[in-house]
Structure formats: structure tokens, C-alpha cells
Amino acid sequence: MELLTLDYYHYMYPEEEKRKRAIKEQLVRCIMIFPWIATVDAFQKWLYEHPGHSHEERGQAWVSLYKRFHGEAVSWEGLEDQLHIMWQKQLHIFEVPFYYIEYAIAQLGALAIWKNFKEDPEKGLTQYVDALKMGYTRPIPDIYEAAGISFDFSSDYMKECLEFCLEEYQKIEM
């Protein structure tokens, strides 16, 4: 749980500017992973729903989904061929199909646990440890409940967790 250690980065990064940069990079990764996971998961679904697709259709499907979840902020002009095959960098598609979504489940849980910890460190840490003690003995919703967080993937809940992360990011002055 890297997020619970952010307040202790001074041990690893004694220089304030480097510490702040490392924390900001960690928080950006927390936010930016969601569009990528959504793209990969939707692409896998498309692959299985279209078993007879062509190479060109596959590339077009990837580009469409990539743009759906990432928007048009980055220009791929001159790199269209690379964008068409970008999905190949995600080995989970080949090795463990439909597993990658679990990273989103875990990341959302981590953000919610961190939020609880920031609001009440003692209670947040106690709940986190209680959840860890359950190991694999209970279903994930029960483990999330023990951690004091919701097993909820609604837009509202995701927005709440991501806005918290963004607020923490914005508190860091460079």
C-alpha cells in the first residue's frame, strides 16, 4: 500500500523537491491507470464478441476504445500504426484474459483505504489490518467492508475516490 507510506517518503527522498515529485508521480499513476484498464478490458470483451474479426477491424476497435477512454488530448498524428497495435503491449490479454480488471478493483480499494487513513489514521489503519487478517477466507465484498470501504464501482464512488486523489495531488506545491 504505497499510498499509506506517502507521508514517510522523507526517509527515501530527503530532498523536498524530489520527494514532492515522487509523490505526485505516484498519485498520477493512481489516476491514469483507470483509463488504460478500461480500454484493455473493453478491448478484450470486443475480441471475444467478434471472433472472426480481421487485423484491420481489431486495430480499429482498439483505436476507438482507446479514444473513448483516453480522449483526444494526445495527438497520434504520424503514429497511427503504433496506436493500432498498442494493445499488444498488455501481456494480460495473451496470458490471463480478463484478469487485468482486478487491478482497477485493487486500485479503487487502495484509494478508498488511503482516504479513510487520511481522515482518521488510527481507524483507517486498524480497518486495513482487519481486512488483511481475513486473507482469502472471505469474499472480496466482505474484505472491503472490514476495511471500511465500499465494494462499489459506480461512477459516483469512483469520482469520489479520484477527486480525493486529485485534491491530495493539488495540495503538493512545487
Protein backbone atom coordinates (compact mmCIF):
# COMPACT_ATOMS: atom_id res chain seq x y z
CA MET A 1 0.00 0.00 0.00
CA GLU A 2 2.25 2.70 -1.35
CA LEU A 3 -0.35 5.36 -0.59
CA LEU A 4 -0.16 4.76 3.16
CA THR A 5 3.57 5.42 3.02
CA LEU A 6 3.43 8.79 1.24
CA ASP A 7 3.81 10.69 4.50
CA TYR A 8 7.05 8.80 5.09
CA TYR A 9 8.72 9.47 1.75
CA HIS A 10 11.15 11.79 3.53
CA TYR A 11 13.10 8.67 4.55
CA MET A 12 13.59 7.72 0.92
CA TYR A 13 13.67 11.23 -0.52
CA PRO A 14 15.31 13.62 1.95
CA GLU A 15 15.39 16.38 -0.69
CA GLU A 16 11.98 18.06 -0.60
CA GLU A 17 11.67 18.72 -4.34
CA LYS A 18 12.45 15.10 -5.24
CA ARG A 19 10.05 13.87 -2.56
CA LYS A 20 7.22 16.03 -3.84
CA ARG A 21 7.88 14.92 -7.40
CA ALA A 22 7.86 11.24 -6.35
CA ILE A 23 4.56 11.68 -4.50
CA LYS A 24 3.00 13.48 -7.45
CA GLU A 25 4.16 10.75 -9.83
CA GLN A 26 2.61 8.11 -7.57
CA LEU A 27 -0.71 9.95 -7.49
CA VAL A 28 -0.74 10.47 -11.26
CA ARG A 29 -0.22 6.72 -11.75
CA CYS A 30 -3.17 6.09 -9.40
CA ILE A 31 -5.43 8.17 -11.61
CA MET A 32 -4.05 7.33 -15.05
CA ILE A 33 -4.29 3.57 -14.64
CA PHE A 34 -8.10 3.61 -14.82
CA PRO A 35 -8.48 4.70 -18.47
CA TRP A 36 -5.88 2.14 -19.54
CA ILE A 37 -7.56 -0.69 -17.62
CA ALA A 38 -10.96 0.29 -19.01
CA THR A 39 -9.53 0.26 -22.53
CA VAL A 40 -7.89 -3.14 -22.09
CA ASP A 41 -10.99 -4.68 -20.52
CA ALA A 42 -13.36 -3.31 -23.17
CA PHE A 43 -10.99 -4.43 -25.92
CA GLN A 44 -10.88 -7.98 -24.58
CA LYS A 45 -14.66 -8.06 -24.48
CA TRP A 46 -14.74 -6.86 -28.09
CA LEU A 47 -12.24 -9.56 -29.12
CA TYR A 48 -14.38 -12.36 -27.70
CA GLU A 49 -17.58 -10.92 -29.13
CA HIS A 50 -16.03 -10.72 -32.63
CA PRO A 51 -14.09 -13.97 -33.10
CA GLY A 52 -13.94 -13.66 -36.89
CA HIS A 53 -12.55 -10.12 -36.94
CA SER A 54 -9.80 -9.04 -39.29
CA HIS A 55 -6.47 -7.48 -38.40
CA GLU A 56 -7.78 -4.10 -39.56
CA GLU A 57 -11.03 -4.42 -37.58
CA ARG A 58 -9.04 -5.32 -34.47
CA GLY A 59 -6.86 -2.22 -34.86
CA GLN A 60 -9.88 -0.02 -35.47
CA ALA A 61 -11.64 -1.43 -32.40
CA TRP A 62 -8.60 -0.73 -30.25
CA VAL A 63 -8.26 2.85 -31.52
CA SER A 64 -11.95 3.51 -30.97
CA LEU A 65 -11.84 2.20 -27.41
CA TYR A 66 -8.57 3.96 -26.67
CA LYS A 67 -10.05 7.28 -27.75
CA ARG A 68 -13.25 6.57 -25.83
CA PHE A 69 -11.38 6.20 -22.54
CA HIS A 70 -8.39 8.49 -23.13
CA GLY A 71 -9.95 11.25 -25.19
CA GLU A 72 -8.18 13.24 -27.85
CA ALA A 73 -5.67 15.09 -25.65
CA VAL A 74 -2.70 13.32 -27.27
CA SER A 75 -2.08 13.60 -30.99
CA TRP A 76 -1.16 10.34 -32.66
CA GLU A 77 -0.51 12.06 -35.98
CA GLY A 78 2.21 10.15 -37.80
CA LEU A 79 2.00 7.33 -35.24
CA GLU A 80 -1.31 5.81 -36.26
CA ASP A 81 0.28 2.43 -36.96
CA GLN A 82 1.71 2.32 -33.43
CA LEU A 83 -1.64 3.23 -31.91
CA HIS A 84 -3.34 0.40 -33.87
CA ILE A 85 -1.06 -2.20 -32.29
CA MET A 86 -0.59 -0.60 -28.87
CA TRP A 87 -2.85 -3.21 -27.28
CA GLN A 88 -0.11 -5.79 -27.80
CA LYS A 89 1.98 -4.29 -25.00
CA GLN A 90 -0.54 -5.57 -22.46
CA LEU A 91 0.53 -9.17 -21.94
CA HIS A 92 -2.50 -9.92 -19.79
CA ILE A 93 -4.56 -10.06 -22.99
CA PHE A 94 -2.48 -13.04 -24.12
CA GLU A 95 -1.60 -14.69 -20.84
CA VAL A 96 -4.52 -14.14 -18.44
CA PRO A 97 -7.54 -12.76 -20.31
CA PHE A 98 -9.97 -10.68 -18.26
CA TYR A 99 -7.66 -10.63 -15.25
CA TYR A 100 -6.48 -7.05 -15.75
CA ILE A 101 -9.73 -5.58 -14.41
CA GLU A 102 -8.66 -6.79 -10.97
CA TYR A 103 -6.02 -4.05 -10.95
CA ALA A 104 -8.79 -1.48 -11.15
CA ILE A 105 -10.65 -3.19 -8.32
CA ALA A 106 -7.49 -3.15 -6.21
CA GLN A 107 -6.57 0.43 -7.11
CA LEU A 108 -10.00 1.75 -6.26
CA GLY A 109 -9.84 -0.11 -2.95
CA ALA A 110 -6.39 1.33 -2.26
CA LEU A 111 -7.62 4.87 -2.91
CA ALA A 112 -10.59 4.36 -0.58
CA ILE A 113 -8.38 2.89 2.16
CA TRP A 114 -5.97 5.80 1.80
CA LYS A 115 -8.86 8.27 2.02
CA ASN A 116 -10.03 6.60 5.25
CA PHE A 117 -6.48 6.67 6.59
CA LYS A 118 -6.08 10.37 5.81
CA GLU A 119 -9.40 11.16 7.52
CA ASP A 120 -8.65 9.06 10.63
CA PRO A 121 -5.19 7.40 10.59
CA GLU A 122 -5.71 5.10 13.57
CA LYS A 123 -9.14 3.85 12.49
CA GLY A 124 -8.12 3.63 8.83
CA LEU A 125 -5.04 1.56 9.63
CA THR A 126 -6.94 -0.69 12.05
CA GLN A 127 -9.61 -1.40 9.45
CA TYR A 128 -6.98 -2.08 6.81
CA VAL A 129 -5.18 -4.56 9.08
CA ASP A 130 -8.50 -6.20 9.95
CA ALA A 131 -9.18 -6.70 6.25
CA LEU A 132 -5.70 -8.12 5.67
CA LYS A 133 -6.19 -10.61 8.50
CA MET A 134 -9.11 -12.10 6.60
CA GLY A 135 -6.80 -13.14 3.78
CA TYR A 136 -8.64 -15.22 1.21
CA THR A 137 -11.08 -16.61 3.74
CA ARG A 138 -13.96 -14.32 2.80
CA PRO A 139 -15.46 -12.89 -0.39
CA ILE A 140 -13.97 -9.59 -1.56
CA PRO A 141 -17.05 -7.51 -0.61
CA ASP A 142 -16.66 -8.75 2.99
CA ILE A 143 -12.97 -7.84 2.98
CA TYR A 144 -13.75 -4.37 1.65
CA GLU A 145 -16.39 -3.95 4.36
CA ALA A 146 -13.84 -4.92 7.03
CA ALA A 147 -11.51 -2.28 5.57
CA GLY A 148 -14.27 0.29 5.98
CA ILE A 149 -14.66 0.83 2.25
CA SER A 150 -17.32 0.08 -0.34
CA PHE A 151 -17.17 -2.63 -2.98
CA ASP A 152 -18.71 -0.15 -5.38
CA PHE A 153 -17.75 0.68 -8.94
CA SER A 154 -20.41 3.23 -9.65
CA SER A 155 -19.48 6.48 -11.37
CA ASP A 156 -20.26 8.41 -8.19
CA TYR A 157 -17.99 6.30 -5.99
CA MET A 158 -15.15 6.29 -8.50
CA LYS A 159 -15.50 10.05 -8.86
CA GLU A 160 -15.35 10.47 -5.07
CA CYS A 161 -12.15 8.42 -4.78
CA LEU A 162 -10.46 10.02 -7.79
CA GLU A 163 -11.40 13.53 -6.71
CA PHE A 164 -9.86 12.83 -3.31
CA CYS A 165 -6.65 11.71 -5.03
CA LEU A 166 -6.66 14.80 -7.23
CA GLU A 167 -7.21 17.06 -4.20
CA GLU A 168 -4.23 15.47 -2.46
CA TYR A 169 -2.18 15.97 -5.62
CA GLN A 170 -3.13 19.64 -5.78
CA LYS A 171 -2.03 20.20 -2.18
CA ILE A 172 1.56 19.49 -3.16
CA GLU A 173 3.25 22.74 -4.08
CA MET A 174 6.32 22.56 -6.26
